[in-house]
Amino acid sequence: MQYKTKLGEFDLSDKEVIIFPNGIPGFEDLRRFTVISLEETAPILWLVSLDDDNVALPVIDPWMILEDYEVQMSQEDIEILKVEDPSEIVVWSVLTIPVGKPQEATVNLKAPILIDLKTGLGCQTILEKYEIKYPISGYTIGPEESDCKGSMKENESNYGGDQ
C-alpha cells in the first residue's frame, strides 16, 4: 500500500506497518507507524506515522548512547506487544535534536519505544531510573537540521517481516 509521510512516499507491505494499540504519549490518536532508514541520517532511524504525514520521530539504538542501558518490560508491555519470544523485541529511544544545534541533542532514555518484530505491535514504556533528556555529549548526531528529506528510492523501511 502507498503511504505519504513527512519523509516522502513509501510503498509498504502489511508486515512493515507497526501498530501501537494505545498510540504513543503525545500522539495517542496515531496508531500506525513504520521505521525508515535514511543513509544521510544514520545511525538515526525515523519512526514515521502512517496516520499523520506531519509526524516523524528520530529514534536511535539506546545502547549506542549508554552501553549499560537496561530495559525491563512490565507485564502490561508484554500483554500489549503479545510477546512470545523476547528476542524479537527491538528497543529505540526518541531523540530531540534542536534545529541548527545538533550538538545539543538529547535522547529520551526514560521512555523507550518497544517493538515486537514478530507481532508487529509497539508501545512506549517508562523506566524510572533514566532521564527524559539524557545529554549526548561528544557524540555527533545527524545533519545540521532535524528535518530530513529523501526520495522514495533512497529511503527504505528498516522494519519488516523478514527480520
Protein backbone atom coordinates (compact mmCIF):
# COMPACT_ATOMS: atom_id res chain seq x y z
CA MET A 1 0.00 0.00 0.00
CA GLN A 2 1.21 3.54 -0.78
CA TYR A 3 1.71 5.93 2.17
CA LYS A 4 2.53 9.64 2.15
CA THR A 5 4.76 10.61 5.09
CA LYS A 6 6.86 13.53 6.26
CA LEU A 7 9.89 11.81 4.71
CA GLY A 8 8.31 11.01 1.35
CA GLU A 9 6.02 8.42 -0.19
CA PHE A 10 6.52 4.74 0.52
CA ASP A 11 5.06 1.51 -0.76
CA LEU A 12 4.82 -0.67 2.35
CA SER A 13 3.62 -4.20 2.92
CA ASP A 14 1.37 -5.00 5.88
CA LYS A 15 4.41 -6.54 7.61
CA GLU A 16 6.17 -3.15 7.57
CA VAL A 17 3.33 -1.42 9.43
CA ILE A 18 3.75 -1.28 13.21
CA ILE A 19 0.57 -0.94 15.25
CA PHE A 20 0.68 0.94 18.56
CA PRO A 21 -2.62 -0.17 20.17
CA ASN A 22 -2.51 2.70 22.70
CA GLY A 23 -0.73 5.21 20.46
CA ILE A 24 2.38 6.95 21.78
CA PRO A 25 2.18 9.54 24.60
CA GLY A 26 1.59 12.86 22.89
CA PHE A 27 0.32 11.05 19.79
CA GLU A 28 -2.40 8.85 21.32
CA ASP A 29 -4.63 9.05 18.22
CA LEU A 30 -1.86 7.82 15.91
CA ARG A 31 -1.70 4.02 15.79
CA ARG A 32 0.10 3.05 12.57
CA PHE A 33 3.83 3.68 12.12
CA THR A 34 6.78 2.34 10.19
CA VAL A 35 10.52 2.71 10.68
CA ILE A 36 12.50 4.38 7.90
CA SER A 37 16.27 4.33 7.50
CA LEU A 38 17.90 7.23 5.63
CA GLU A 39 21.55 6.89 4.69
CA GLU A 40 22.19 10.59 5.35
CA THR A 41 20.97 10.40 8.98
CA ALA A 42 22.43 7.02 10.03
CA PRO A 43 22.56 5.80 12.76
CA ILE A 44 19.32 7.69 13.34
CA LEU A 45 16.16 5.93 12.17
CA TRP A 46 12.74 7.53 11.77
CA LEU A 47 9.55 6.31 13.44
CA VAL A 48 7.10 7.67 10.88
CA SER A 49 3.35 7.96 11.39
CA LEU A 50 1.17 6.50 8.66
CA ASP A 51 -1.88 8.27 10.15
CA ASP A 52 -0.49 11.84 10.12
CA ASP A 53 2.01 12.72 7.40
CA ASN A 54 3.47 15.51 9.58
CA VAL A 55 4.82 13.18 12.28
CA ALA A 56 8.27 11.57 12.09
CA LEU A 57 10.25 10.90 15.27
CA PRO A 58 14.04 10.43 15.16
CA VAL A 59 15.00 7.29 17.09
CA ILE A 60 18.27 5.57 17.89
CA ASP A 61 19.52 2.38 19.50
CA PRO A 62 19.92 3.44 23.16
CA TRP A 63 22.92 1.14 23.67
CA MET A 64 24.85 3.36 21.23
CA ILE A 65 24.47 6.14 23.80
CA LEU A 66 24.61 4.24 27.10
CA GLU A 67 26.35 0.88 26.98
CA ASP A 68 24.88 -0.44 30.25
CA TYR A 69 21.28 0.63 29.47
CA GLU A 70 18.73 -1.81 30.89
CA VAL A 71 15.13 -2.30 29.81
CA GLN A 72 12.68 -4.18 32.00
CA MET A 73 9.33 -4.77 30.32
CA SER A 74 6.28 -4.63 32.55
CA GLN A 75 3.56 -7.27 32.40
CA GLU A 76 1.40 -4.63 30.69
CA ASP A 77 4.08 -4.13 27.99
CA ILE A 78 4.27 -7.89 27.43
CA GLU A 79 0.48 -8.08 27.05
CA ILE A 80 0.27 -5.06 24.70
CA LEU A 81 3.03 -6.46 22.47
CA LYS A 82 1.72 -10.05 22.74
CA VAL A 83 5.31 -11.16 23.34
CA GLU A 84 6.04 -14.80 22.61
CA ASP A 85 9.81 -14.50 22.14
CA PRO A 86 11.65 -11.68 23.98
CA SER A 87 14.49 -11.88 21.41
CA GLU A 88 12.03 -10.44 18.84
CA ILE A 89 11.79 -7.13 20.77
CA VAL A 90 13.68 -4.13 19.43
CA VAL A 91 14.21 -1.01 21.52
CA TRP A 92 14.65 2.55 20.30
CA SER A 93 14.91 5.85 22.13
CA VAL A 94 13.48 9.09 20.79
CA LEU A 95 15.94 11.90 20.08
CA THR A 96 15.39 15.62 20.45
CA ILE A 97 17.66 17.46 18.01
CA PRO A 98 17.37 21.26 18.18
CA VAL A 99 17.31 22.76 14.67
CA GLY A 100 20.75 24.16 13.89
CA LYS A 101 22.19 22.83 17.17
CA PRO A 102 22.79 19.08 16.77
CA GLN A 103 25.49 19.31 19.46
CA GLU A 104 22.66 19.94 21.96
CA ALA A 105 20.79 16.74 21.08
CA THR A 106 19.31 14.69 23.89
CA VAL A 107 17.87 11.18 23.98
CA ASN A 108 14.85 10.03 25.97
CA LEU A 109 16.15 7.02 27.88
CA LYS A 110 13.23 7.14 30.33
CA ALA A 111 10.56 6.17 27.80
CA PRO A 112 11.91 3.81 25.12
CA ILE A 113 9.86 2.56 22.18
CA LEU A 114 9.43 -1.23 22.21
CA ILE A 115 8.50 -3.12 19.04
CA ASP A 116 7.86 -6.83 18.70
CA LEU A 117 9.12 -7.82 15.25
CA LYS A 118 7.01 -10.98 15.22
CA THR A 119 3.63 -9.45 16.16
CA GLY A 120 4.20 -6.03 14.58
CA LEU A 121 2.99 -4.33 17.76
CA GLY A 122 4.62 -1.41 19.54
CA CYS A 123 4.38 0.56 22.76
CA GLN A 124 6.29 3.13 24.76
CA THR A 125 7.24 2.13 28.29
CA ILE A 126 8.51 4.09 31.29
CA LEU A 127 11.80 3.27 33.04
CA GLU A 128 12.09 5.09 36.37
CA LYS A 129 15.88 5.21 36.68
CA TYR A 130 16.63 7.11 33.45
CA GLU A 131 16.35 10.70 32.24
CA ILE A 132 13.93 12.09 29.67
CA LYS A 133 16.62 14.40 28.27
CA TYR A 134 19.88 12.49 28.55
CA PRO A 135 22.58 14.72 27.01
CA ILE A 136 24.56 13.27 24.15
CA SER A 137 27.91 14.93 24.72
CA GLY A 138 30.81 14.05 22.46
CA TYR A 139 28.53 12.19 20.06
CA THR A 140 27.74 13.73 16.68
CA ILE A 141 24.14 13.25 15.62
CA GLY A 142 22.83 13.69 12.09
CA PRO A 143 22.69 16.73 9.85
CA GLU A 144 22.57 20.38 10.88
CA GLU A 145 18.77 20.27 10.94
CA SER A 146 16.45 17.60 12.26
CA ASP A 147 14.00 17.86 9.33
CA CYS A 148 15.40 15.46 6.71
CA LYS A 149 14.27 14.99 3.12
CA GLY A 150 14.69 11.93 0.94
CA SER A 151 13.25 10.33 -2.14
CA MET A 152 11.42 7.03 -2.08
CA LYS A 153 14.16 5.16 -3.93
CA GLU A 154 16.79 6.29 -1.42
CA ASN A 155 14.59 5.56 1.59
CA GLU A 156 13.94 2.10 2.86
CA SER A 157 11.92 0.67 5.66
CA ASN A 158 14.04 -0.74 8.46
CA TYR A 159 11.21 -2.89 9.72
CA GLY A 160 9.81 -5.93 8.03
CA GLY A 161 8.69 -9.47 8.35
CA ASP A 162 11.98 -10.85 7.02
CA GLN A 163 13.92 -9.77 10.10
